[in-house]
Amino acid sequence: MNNENKLPIGEEFIQRKVLTKKDVRIVLNYQEEHPELKFGEIVDVLDMCDKKDLLEVLSSNLEVKSAIIDRKLSVNPLNFLPSDIIITYRALPFDKVGDTVYVAFANPQDKETVEYVRKLIQNEGYKIEVYITLYTTIMAHIEKIKNSKQVRMCFSDSRQEPEVKEEDIGKTILEDIRNKMKKE
């Protein structure tokens, strides 16, 4: 699809009957106060629609494949990218087939970030396939990585990543964001 023919993201959500006009106004008002968050990220964090519908609209609008990623990844993302890169750029390696690593981004529109991550992955001898996933999914995995990094520091002689169980995570970044949004 040509950029000139694309609807604004809010209009696309309305046209597909995923959000109402009122919902879009809520998101846009919130985004004025929090310009660091993208439209889809706000919809995701506020849980305003079905996650599959959200990803379908974002994927179509951004012209990138989407992935719903489980809590348990089929690969350890730290085998492909350093934790600081995953955290900073919200880029999550989530699968590998042959010499191709599948990397989900919260914002695949950021071409510089995608290209930087692509070069890092290629330097390790892999190809990359870019996906978009839910902001909340990326943030939940980032929380796990932060916690596993803290655990790993205690066992610095071990090269293997420790298993971090969901119940060990405690309060997540997502809970902090949702609580903050509720207060405002």
N, C-alpha and C. Protein backbone atom coordinates (compact mmCIF):
# COMPACT_ATOMS: atom_id res chain seq x y z
N MET A 1 0.84 -1.18 0.00
CA MET A 1 0.00 0.00 0.00
C MET A 1 0.88 1.24 0.00
N ASN A 2 0.52 2.19 -0.73
CA ASN A 2 1.21 3.45 -0.89
C ASN A 2 0.90 4.36 0.30
N ASN A 3 1.91 5.07 0.83
CA ASN A 3 1.70 5.94 1.99
C ASN A 3 0.63 7.00 1.77
N GLU A 4 0.48 7.47 0.53
CA GLU A 4 -0.52 8.50 0.24
C GLU A 4 -1.93 7.97 0.44
N ASN A 5 -2.15 6.67 0.25
CA ASN A 5 -3.47 6.07 0.36
C ASN A 5 -3.78 5.53 1.76
N LYS A 6 -2.82 5.60 2.66
CA LYS A 6 -3.02 5.07 4.01
C LYS A 6 -3.90 6.01 4.82
N LEU A 7 -4.79 5.40 5.57
CA LEU A 7 -5.60 6.16 6.51
C LEU A 7 -4.77 6.43 7.76
N PRO A 8 -5.06 7.52 8.47
CA PRO A 8 -4.43 7.66 9.79
C PRO A 8 -4.79 6.43 10.62
N ILE A 9 -3.91 6.04 11.50
CA ILE A 9 -4.07 4.79 12.24
C ILE A 9 -5.41 4.73 12.99
N GLY A 10 -5.81 5.83 13.59
CA GLY A 10 -7.10 5.85 14.31
C GLY A 10 -8.27 5.59 13.38
N GLU A 11 -8.23 6.19 12.20
CA GLU A 11 -9.29 5.99 11.21
C GLU A 11 -9.34 4.54 10.74
N GLU A 12 -8.18 3.93 10.63
CA GLU A 12 -8.15 2.53 10.22
C GLU A 12 -8.79 1.64 11.28
N PHE A 13 -8.54 1.94 12.55
CA PHE A 13 -9.18 1.17 13.63
C PHE A 13 -10.70 1.34 13.58
N ILE A 14 -11.16 2.56 13.29
CA ILE A 14 -12.60 2.82 13.21
C ILE A 14 -13.19 2.10 12.00
N GLN A 15 -12.55 2.23 10.85
CA GLN A 15 -13.05 1.60 9.63
C GLN A 15 -13.17 0.09 9.78
N ARG A 16 -12.24 -0.52 10.48
CA ARG A 16 -12.28 -1.98 10.69
C ARG A 16 -13.17 -2.38 11.86
N LYS A 17 -13.79 -1.39 12.48
CA LYS A 17 -14.70 -1.61 13.61
C LYS A 17 -14.01 -2.28 14.80
N VAL A 18 -12.74 -1.94 14.97
CA VAL A 18 -11.97 -2.45 16.10
C VAL A 18 -12.10 -1.47 17.28
N LEU A 19 -12.15 -0.17 16.98
CA LEU A 19 -12.34 0.88 17.97
C LEU A 19 -13.48 1.79 17.52
N THR A 20 -14.06 2.49 18.47
CA THR A 20 -15.06 3.51 18.15
C THR A 20 -14.37 4.86 18.05
N LYS A 21 -15.11 5.85 17.56
CA LYS A 21 -14.57 7.22 17.51
C LYS A 21 -14.22 7.70 18.91
N LYS A 22 -15.04 7.35 19.88
CA LYS A 22 -14.77 7.73 21.27
C LYS A 22 -13.47 7.11 21.75
N ASP A 23 -13.26 5.83 21.44
CA ASP A 23 -12.01 5.15 21.82
C ASP A 23 -10.80 5.86 21.22
N VAL A 24 -10.90 6.22 19.96
CA VAL A 24 -9.78 6.89 19.28
C VAL A 24 -9.50 8.23 19.95
N ARG A 25 -10.54 8.97 20.32
CA ARG A 25 -10.33 10.26 21.03
C ARG A 25 -9.62 10.03 22.36
N ILE A 26 -10.00 8.98 23.07
CA ILE A 26 -9.35 8.66 24.35
C ILE A 26 -7.86 8.41 24.13
N VAL A 27 -7.54 7.62 23.12
CA VAL A 27 -6.13 7.30 22.83
C VAL A 27 -5.38 8.57 22.44
N LEU A 28 -5.95 9.38 21.57
CA LEU A 28 -5.27 10.60 21.11
C LEU A 28 -5.08 11.60 22.25
N ASN A 29 -6.07 11.72 23.13
CA ASN A 29 -5.92 12.61 24.29
C ASN A 29 -4.80 12.12 25.20
N TYR A 30 -4.76 10.82 25.42
CA TYR A 30 -3.70 10.27 26.27
C TYR A 30 -2.34 10.46 25.60
N GLN A 31 -2.31 10.30 24.29
CA GLN A 31 -1.05 10.42 23.56
C GLN A 31 -0.51 11.85 23.60
N GLU A 32 -1.38 12.84 23.68
CA GLU A 32 -0.93 14.24 23.81
C GLU A 32 -0.12 14.43 25.08
N GLU A 33 -0.54 13.78 26.14
CA GLU A 33 0.17 13.88 27.42
C GLU A 33 1.38 12.96 27.49
N HIS A 34 1.40 11.92 26.66
CA HIS A 34 2.47 10.93 26.67
C HIS A 34 2.94 10.64 25.24
N PRO A 35 3.60 11.61 24.63
CA PRO A 35 3.98 11.46 23.22
C PRO A 35 5.01 10.35 22.97
N GLU A 36 5.61 9.83 24.01
CA GLU A 36 6.58 8.74 23.83
C GLU A 36 5.90 7.42 23.47
N LEU A 37 4.60 7.32 23.71
CA LEU A 37 3.86 6.11 23.39
C LEU A 37 3.17 6.23 22.04
N LYS A 38 3.24 5.18 21.26
CA LYS A 38 2.58 5.12 19.96
C LYS A 38 1.09 4.79 20.17
N PHE A 39 0.30 5.09 19.18
CA PHE A 39 -1.14 4.85 19.23
C PHE A 39 -1.44 3.40 19.61
N GLY A 40 -0.84 2.46 18.89
CA GLY A 40 -1.08 1.04 19.15
C GLY A 40 -0.62 0.60 20.53
N GLU A 41 0.45 1.20 21.02
CA GLU A 41 0.95 0.87 22.36
C GLU A 41 -0.09 1.26 23.42
N ILE A 42 -0.71 2.42 23.23
CA ILE A 42 -1.72 2.87 24.18
C ILE A 42 -2.94 1.95 24.12
N VAL A 43 -3.38 1.61 22.92
CA VAL A 43 -4.52 0.70 22.76
C VAL A 43 -4.21 -0.63 23.46
N ASP A 44 -3.00 -1.11 23.32
CA ASP A 44 -2.59 -2.38 23.93
C ASP A 44 -2.57 -2.28 25.45
N VAL A 45 -1.91 -1.27 25.98
CA VAL A 45 -1.77 -1.14 27.43
C VAL A 45 -3.14 -0.94 28.09
N LEU A 46 -4.01 -0.17 27.44
CA LEU A 46 -5.34 0.06 28.00
C LEU A 46 -6.30 -1.10 27.70
N ASP A 47 -5.83 -2.10 26.96
CA ASP A 47 -6.62 -3.28 26.64
C ASP A 47 -7.97 -2.90 26.03
N MET A 48 -7.90 -2.08 24.99
CA MET A 48 -9.11 -1.51 24.39
C MET A 48 -9.76 -2.39 23.32
N CYS A 49 -9.08 -3.46 22.90
CA CYS A 49 -9.66 -4.34 21.88
C CYS A 49 -8.96 -5.70 21.95
N ASP A 50 -9.47 -6.61 21.17
CA ASP A 50 -8.87 -7.94 21.07
C ASP A 50 -7.43 -7.80 20.55
N LYS A 51 -6.51 -8.53 21.15
CA LYS A 51 -5.09 -8.42 20.79
C LYS A 51 -4.83 -8.83 19.34
N LYS A 52 -5.52 -9.85 18.87
CA LYS A 52 -5.34 -10.28 17.47
C LYS A 52 -5.80 -9.18 16.51
N ASP A 53 -6.93 -8.54 16.83
CA ASP A 53 -7.43 -7.44 15.99
C ASP A 53 -6.44 -6.28 15.99
N LEU A 54 -5.90 -5.98 17.15
CA LEU A 54 -4.92 -4.90 17.27
C LEU A 54 -3.71 -5.18 16.39
N LEU A 55 -3.17 -6.38 16.50
CA LEU A 55 -2.00 -6.74 15.70
C LEU A 55 -2.32 -6.75 14.20
N GLU A 56 -3.51 -7.17 13.85
CA GLU A 56 -3.90 -7.20 12.44
C GLU A 56 -3.91 -5.79 11.85
N VAL A 57 -4.48 -4.84 12.59
CA VAL A 57 -4.51 -3.45 12.11
C VAL A 57 -3.11 -2.88 12.02
N LEU A 58 -2.31 -3.08 13.06
CA LEU A 58 -0.94 -2.54 13.07
C LEU A 58 -0.11 -3.16 11.95
N SER A 59 -0.22 -4.47 11.80
CA SER A 59 0.54 -5.18 10.77
C SER A 59 0.18 -4.65 9.38
N SER A 60 -1.09 -4.49 9.14
CA SER A 60 -1.55 -3.99 7.84
C SER A 60 -1.09 -2.56 7.62
N ASN A 61 -1.25 -1.73 8.64
CA ASN A 61 -0.90 -0.31 8.52
C ASN A 61 0.60 -0.11 8.32
N LEU A 62 1.40 -0.92 8.99
CA LEU A 62 2.86 -0.76 8.93
C LEU A 62 3.50 -1.64 7.86
N GLU A 63 2.69 -2.51 7.27
CA GLU A 63 3.16 -3.42 6.22
C GLU A 63 4.33 -4.29 6.71
N VAL A 64 4.11 -4.90 7.86
CA VAL A 64 5.08 -5.81 8.45
C VAL A 64 4.31 -6.98 9.06
N LYS A 65 4.91 -8.16 9.06
CA LYS A 65 4.25 -9.33 9.64
C LYS A 65 4.06 -9.15 11.14
N SER A 66 3.01 -9.78 11.66
CA SER A 66 2.76 -9.71 13.10
C SER A 66 2.95 -11.08 13.73
N ALA A 67 3.23 -11.06 15.02
CA ALA A 67 3.40 -12.31 15.77
C ALA A 67 2.81 -12.15 17.15
N ILE A 68 1.97 -13.11 17.52
CA ILE A 68 1.53 -13.19 18.91
C ILE A 68 2.51 -14.13 19.58
N ILE A 69 3.21 -13.59 20.54
CA ILE A 69 4.31 -14.32 21.17
C ILE A 69 3.88 -14.82 22.54
N ASP A 70 4.12 -16.10 22.78
CA ASP A 70 3.79 -16.71 24.06
C ASP A 70 4.74 -16.22 25.14
N ARG A 71 4.36 -16.51 26.36
CA ARG A 71 5.21 -16.17 27.50
C ARG A 71 6.53 -16.94 27.44
N LYS A 72 6.48 -18.17 26.95
CA LYS A 72 7.68 -19.00 26.83
C LYS A 72 8.16 -18.94 25.39
N LEU A 73 9.34 -18.40 25.19
CA LEU A 73 9.90 -18.28 23.84
C LEU A 73 10.55 -19.59 23.43
N SER A 74 10.64 -19.82 22.12
CA SER A 74 11.30 -21.04 21.64
C SER A 74 12.82 -20.88 21.60
N VAL A 75 13.31 -19.66 21.77
CA VAL A 75 14.75 -19.40 21.85
C VAL A 75 15.02 -18.46 23.01
N ASN A 76 16.26 -18.45 23.45
CA ASN A 76 16.67 -17.48 24.45
C ASN A 76 17.11 -16.22 23.68
N PRO A 77 16.40 -15.11 23.83
CA PRO A 77 16.74 -13.91 23.07
C PRO A 77 18.16 -13.41 23.33
N LEU A 78 18.69 -13.73 24.51
CA LEU A 78 20.04 -13.28 24.85
C LEU A 78 21.13 -14.03 24.08
N ASN A 79 20.74 -15.09 23.39
CA ASN A 79 21.69 -15.78 22.52
C ASN A 79 21.93 -15.02 21.22
N PHE A 80 21.07 -14.05 20.93
CA PHE A 80 21.15 -13.32 19.66
C PHE A 80 21.40 -11.83 19.83
N LEU A 81 20.95 -11.26 20.94
CA LEU A 81 21.15 -9.83 21.19
C LEU A 81 21.48 -9.62 22.66
N PRO A 82 22.36 -8.65 22.95
CA PRO A 82 22.64 -8.31 24.35
C PRO A 82 21.38 -7.75 25.03
N SER A 83 21.27 -7.96 26.32
CA SER A 83 20.08 -7.51 27.06
C SER A 83 19.86 -6.01 26.92
N ASP A 84 20.93 -5.20 26.91
CA ASP A 84 20.73 -3.75 26.81
C ASP A 84 20.13 -3.35 25.47
N ILE A 85 20.43 -4.08 24.41
CA ILE A 85 19.85 -3.80 23.09
C ILE A 85 18.37 -4.18 23.09
N ILE A 86 18.04 -5.33 23.64
CA ILE A 86 16.64 -5.76 23.72
C ILE A 86 15.83 -4.74 24.51
N ILE A 87 16.36 -4.31 25.63
CA ILE A 87 15.65 -3.37 26.50
C ILE A 87 15.53 -2.00 25.86
N THR A 88 16.62 -1.47 25.35
CA THR A 88 16.63 -0.13 24.79
C THR A 88 15.79 -0.02 23.52
N TYR A 89 15.94 -1.00 22.63
CA TYR A 89 15.30 -0.91 21.32
C TYR A 89 14.00 -1.71 21.23
N ARG A 90 13.61 -2.35 22.33
CA ARG A 90 12.39 -3.15 22.34
C ARG A 90 12.34 -4.09 21.14
N ALA A 91 13.43 -4.84 20.99
CA ALA A 91 13.59 -5.80 19.91
C ALA A 91 13.78 -7.18 20.55
N LEU A 92 12.89 -8.11 20.23
CA LEU A 92 12.88 -9.39 20.91
C LEU A 92 13.03 -10.55 19.94
N PRO A 93 14.22 -11.17 19.90
CA PRO A 93 14.34 -12.41 19.12
C PRO A 93 13.44 -13.47 19.77
N PHE A 94 12.53 -14.05 18.98
CA PHE A 94 11.58 -14.97 19.58
C PHE A 94 11.57 -16.36 18.94
N ASP A 95 12.23 -16.52 17.80
CA ASP A 95 12.28 -17.84 17.16
C ASP A 95 13.44 -17.87 16.19
N LYS A 96 13.83 -19.07 15.80
CA LYS A 96 14.91 -19.27 14.83
C LYS A 96 14.58 -20.50 14.01
N VAL A 97 14.68 -20.34 12.71
CA VAL A 97 14.50 -21.46 11.80
C VAL A 97 15.68 -21.43 10.84
N GLY A 98 16.50 -22.48 10.88
CA GLY A 98 17.70 -22.50 10.05
C GLY A 98 18.62 -21.35 10.44
N ASP A 99 18.99 -20.53 9.47
CA ASP A 99 19.86 -19.39 9.77
C ASP A 99 19.09 -18.08 9.85
N THR A 100 17.77 -18.16 10.04
CA THR A 100 16.94 -16.96 10.15
C THR A 100 16.42 -16.79 11.57
N VAL A 101 16.66 -15.62 12.13
CA VAL A 101 16.17 -15.27 13.46
C VAL A 101 14.97 -14.35 13.29
N TYR A 102 13.87 -14.69 13.95
CA TYR A 102 12.67 -13.88 13.91
C TYR A 102 12.72 -12.90 15.08
N VAL A 103 12.65 -11.61 14.75
CA VAL A 103 12.77 -10.57 15.77
C VAL A 103 11.51 -9.71 15.74
N ALA A 104 10.85 -9.62 16.89
CA ALA A 104 9.65 -8.79 17.02
C ALA A 104 10.05 -7.45 17.62
N PHE A 105 9.49 -6.40 17.06
CA PHE A 105 9.73 -5.04 17.54
C PHE A 105 8.43 -4.45 18.03
N ALA A 106 8.51 -3.62 19.05
CA ALA A 106 7.35 -2.86 19.47
C ALA A 106 7.08 -1.77 18.44
N ASN A 107 8.14 -1.27 17.80
CA ASN A 107 8.00 -0.20 16.81
C ASN A 107 8.87 -0.49 15.59
N PRO A 108 8.39 -1.31 14.68
CA PRO A 108 9.20 -1.60 13.49
C PRO A 108 9.27 -0.44 12.50
N GLN A 109 8.56 0.65 12.79
CA GLN A 109 8.64 1.84 11.95
C GLN A 109 9.98 2.56 12.11
N ASP A 110 10.63 2.33 13.24
CA ASP A 110 11.91 2.97 13.50
C ASP A 110 12.98 2.26 12.68
N LYS A 111 13.16 2.72 11.47
CA LYS A 111 14.05 2.06 10.50
C LYS A 111 15.50 1.99 10.98
N GLU A 112 15.96 3.03 11.67
CA GLU A 112 17.34 3.03 12.17
C GLU A 112 17.55 1.91 13.19
N THR A 113 16.58 1.75 14.09
CA THR A 113 16.66 0.68 15.08
C THR A 113 16.63 -0.68 14.42
N VAL A 114 15.70 -0.87 13.49
CA VAL A 114 15.59 -2.16 12.80
C VAL A 114 16.89 -2.47 12.07
N GLU A 115 17.46 -1.47 11.41
CA GLU A 115 18.70 -1.69 10.66
C GLU A 115 19.87 -2.00 11.60
N TYR A 116 19.92 -1.32 12.73
CA TYR A 116 20.98 -1.57 13.71
C TYR A 116 20.89 -3.01 14.24
N VAL A 117 19.68 -3.43 14.61
CA VAL A 117 19.47 -4.79 15.10
C VAL A 117 19.78 -5.79 13.99
N ARG A 118 19.39 -5.49 12.77
CA ARG A 118 19.69 -6.36 11.63
C ARG A 118 21.20 -6.59 11.51
N LYS A 119 21.98 -5.52 11.63
CA LYS A 119 23.44 -5.64 11.52
C LYS A 119 24.02 -6.47 12.65
N LEU A 120 23.49 -6.29 13.86
CA LEU A 120 23.98 -7.08 15.00
C LEU A 120 23.71 -8.57 14.77
N ILE A 121 22.51 -8.89 14.31
CA ILE A 121 22.14 -10.29 14.04
C ILE A 121 22.99 -10.85 12.90
N GLN A 122 23.17 -10.05 11.85
CA GLN A 122 23.97 -10.50 10.70
C GLN A 122 25.43 -10.73 11.08
N ASN A 123 25.94 -9.91 12.00
CA ASN A 123 27.32 -10.09 12.48
C ASN A 123 27.50 -11.43 13.18
N GLU A 124 26.43 -12.00 13.67
CA GLU A 124 26.48 -13.32 14.31
C GLU A 124 26.24 -14.44 13.30
N GLY A 125 26.06 -14.08 12.02
CA GLY A 125 25.90 -15.08 10.97
C GLY A 125 24.47 -15.47 10.65
N TYR A 126 23.51 -14.68 11.09
CA TYR A 126 22.11 -15.00 10.85
C TYR A 126 21.44 -13.97 9.96
N LYS A 127 20.36 -14.40 9.33
CA LYS A 127 19.46 -13.48 8.64
C LYS A 127 18.40 -13.08 9.66
N ILE A 128 17.66 -12.01 9.35
CA ILE A 128 16.63 -11.55 10.26
C ILE A 128 15.32 -11.39 9.51
N GLU A 129 14.24 -11.77 10.19
CA GLU A 129 12.91 -11.50 9.68
C GLU A 129 12.21 -10.63 10.73
N VAL A 130 11.70 -9.48 10.29
CA VAL A 130 11.14 -8.48 11.19
C VAL A 130 9.63 -8.68 11.36
N TYR A 131 9.19 -8.59 12.60
CA TYR A 131 7.78 -8.70 12.96
C TYR A 131 7.41 -7.56 13.90
N ILE A 132 6.12 -7.35 14.03
CA ILE A 132 5.61 -6.47 15.08
C ILE A 132 4.87 -7.36 16.07
N THR A 133 4.97 -7.03 17.33
CA THR A 133 4.19 -7.72 18.34
C THR A 133 3.63 -6.69 19.30
N LEU A 134 2.90 -7.15 20.25
CA LEU A 134 2.27 -6.26 21.22
C LEU A 134 3.31 -5.62 22.13
N TYR A 135 3.11 -4.36 22.39
CA TYR A 135 3.97 -3.61 23.31
C TYR A 135 4.02 -4.31 24.66
N THR A 136 2.87 -4.77 25.15
CA THR A 136 2.83 -5.42 26.46
C THR A 136 3.63 -6.72 26.47
N THR A 137 3.65 -7.42 25.35
CA THR A 137 4.43 -8.65 25.25
C THR A 137 5.92 -8.35 25.35
N ILE A 138 6.35 -7.37 24.58
CA ILE A 138 7.77 -6.97 24.62
C ILE A 138 8.15 -6.55 26.04
N MET A 139 7.31 -5.73 26.66
CA MET A 139 7.63 -5.23 28.00
C MET A 139 7.66 -6.35 29.03
N ALA A 140 6.79 -7.34 28.91
CA ALA A 140 6.80 -8.48 29.84
C ALA A 140 8.09 -9.27 29.69
N HIS A 141 8.55 -9.47 28.46
CA HIS A 141 9.80 -10.21 28.25
C HIS A 141 11.01 -9.38 28.69
N ILE A 142 10.94 -8.08 28.52
CA ILE A 142 12.02 -7.21 29.01
C ILE A 142 12.11 -7.33 30.53
N GLU A 143 10.98 -7.37 31.19
CA GLU A 143 10.98 -7.52 32.65
C GLU A 143 11.65 -8.84 33.05
N LYS A 144 11.35 -9.90 32.32
CA LYS A 144 11.99 -11.20 32.59
C LYS A 144 13.50 -11.12 32.38
N ILE A 145 13.90 -10.45 31.31
CA ILE A 145 15.33 -10.32 31.01
C ILE A 145 16.03 -9.52 32.10
N LYS A 146 15.40 -8.45 32.54
CA LYS A 146 16.00 -7.65 33.63
C LYS A 146 16.16 -8.51 34.87
N ASN A 147 15.15 -9.28 35.19
CA ASN A 147 15.23 -10.13 36.37
C ASN A 147 16.24 -11.25 36.20
N SER A 148 16.31 -11.84 35.01
CA SER A 148 17.28 -12.92 34.80
C SER A 148 18.70 -12.37 34.85
N LYS A 149 18.89 -11.13 34.40
CA LYS A 149 20.21 -10.50 34.45
C LYS A 149 20.64 -10.32 35.91
N GLN A 150 19.70 -9.89 36.76
CA GLN A 150 20.03 -9.73 38.17
C GLN A 150 20.39 -11.07 38.79
N VAL A 151 19.63 -12.10 38.45
CA VAL A 151 19.91 -13.43 38.98
C VAL A 151 21.27 -13.90 38.48
N ARG A 152 21.56 -13.69 37.18
CA ARG A 152 22.81 -14.13 36.57
C ARG A 152 24.02 -13.49 37.25
N MET A 153 23.87 -12.25 37.70
CA MET A 153 24.99 -11.56 38.34
C MET A 153 25.41 -12.29 39.62
N CYS A 154 24.46 -12.95 40.27
CA CYS A 154 24.76 -13.70 41.49
C CYS A 154 25.52 -14.99 41.18
N PHE A 155 25.38 -15.48 39.95
CA PHE A 155 26.00 -16.73 39.54
C PHE A 155 26.91 -16.46 38.35
N SER A 156 27.84 -15.54 38.51
CA SER A 156 28.64 -15.07 37.39
C SER A 156 29.52 -16.14 36.75
N ASP A 157 29.76 -17.26 37.45
CA ASP A 157 30.58 -18.31 36.84
C ASP A 157 29.75 -19.18 35.89
N SER A 158 28.45 -19.00 35.87
CA SER A 158 27.58 -19.77 34.99
C SER A 158 27.31 -19.01 33.70
N ARG A 159 27.51 -19.66 32.56
CA ARG A 159 27.24 -19.03 31.27
C ARG A 159 25.80 -19.27 30.82
N GLN A 160 25.13 -20.20 31.46
CA GLN A 160 23.78 -20.53 31.06
C GLN A 160 22.79 -19.59 31.74
N GLU A 161 21.79 -19.16 30.97
CA GLU A 161 20.76 -18.28 31.51
C GLU A 161 19.92 -19.05 32.53
N PRO A 162 19.69 -18.45 33.69
CA PRO A 162 18.81 -19.11 34.66
C PRO A 162 17.37 -19.03 34.19
N GLU A 163 16.59 -20.02 34.56
CA GLU A 163 15.16 -20.02 34.24
C GLU A 163 14.47 -19.06 35.21
N VAL A 164 13.72 -18.12 34.67
CA VAL A 164 12.97 -17.20 35.51
C VAL A 164 11.50 -17.55 35.34
N LYS A 165 10.87 -17.93 36.44
CA LYS A 165 9.47 -18.32 36.39
C LYS A 165 8.59 -17.09 36.52
N GLU A 166 7.41 -17.18 35.92
CA GLU A 166 6.46 -16.07 35.92
C GLU A 166 6.18 -15.57 37.34
N GLU A 167 6.01 -16.51 38.28
CA GLU A 167 5.67 -16.11 39.64
C GLU A 167 6.83 -15.41 40.36
N ASP A 168 8.05 -15.53 39.83
CA ASP A 168 9.20 -14.88 40.43
C ASP A 168 9.33 -13.41 40.03
N ILE A 169 8.58 -13.03 39.03
CA ILE A 169 8.75 -11.68 38.49
C ILE A 169 8.18 -10.63 39.42
N GLY A 170 7.05 -10.92 40.07
CA GLY A 170 6.45 -9.93 40.93
C GLY A 170 5.80 -8.83 40.12
N LYS A 171 5.93 -7.61 40.58
CA LYS A 171 5.31 -6.48 39.91
C LYS A 171 6.06 -6.17 38.62
N THR A 172 5.36 -6.15 37.53
CA THR A 172 6.00 -5.94 36.24
C THR A 172 5.90 -4.50 35.79
N ILE A 173 6.65 -4.19 34.78
CA ILE A 173 6.59 -2.86 34.15
C ILE A 173 5.18 -2.59 33.69
N LEU A 174 4.51 -3.59 33.15
CA LEU A 174 3.14 -3.41 32.65
C LEU A 174 2.19 -3.03 33.76
N GLU A 175 2.32 -3.65 34.90
CA GLU A 175 1.46 -3.28 36.03
C GLU A 175 1.71 -1.84 36.42
N ASP A 176 2.96 -1.42 36.43
CA ASP A 176 3.29 -0.03 36.74
C ASP A 176 2.63 0.93 35.75
N ILE A 177 2.71 0.59 34.45
CA ILE A 177 2.12 1.45 33.43
C ILE A 177 0.60 1.51 33.59
N ARG A 178 -0.03 0.35 33.77
CA ARG A 178 -1.49 0.32 33.92
C ARG A 178 -1.93 1.10 35.15
N ASN A 179 -1.20 0.93 36.26
CA ASN A 179 -1.56 1.66 37.48
C ASN A 179 -1.41 3.16 37.28
N LYS A 180 -0.37 3.56 36.60
CA LYS A 180 -0.14 4.98 36.33
C LYS A 180 -1.28 5.54 35.46
N MET A 181 -1.68 4.77 34.45
CA MET A 181 -2.75 5.21 33.57
C MET A 181 -4.08 5.34 34.31
N LYS A 182 -4.34 4.41 35.23
CA LYS A 182 -5.58 4.45 35.99
C LYS A 182 -5.64 5.69 36.87
N LYS A 183 -4.49 6.09 37.43
CA LYS A 183 -4.44 7.25 38.31
C LYS A 183 -4.70 8.54 37.55
N GLU A 184 -4.32 8.57 36.27
CA GLU A 184 -4.47 9.80 35.49
C GLU A 184 -5.83 9.86 34.96
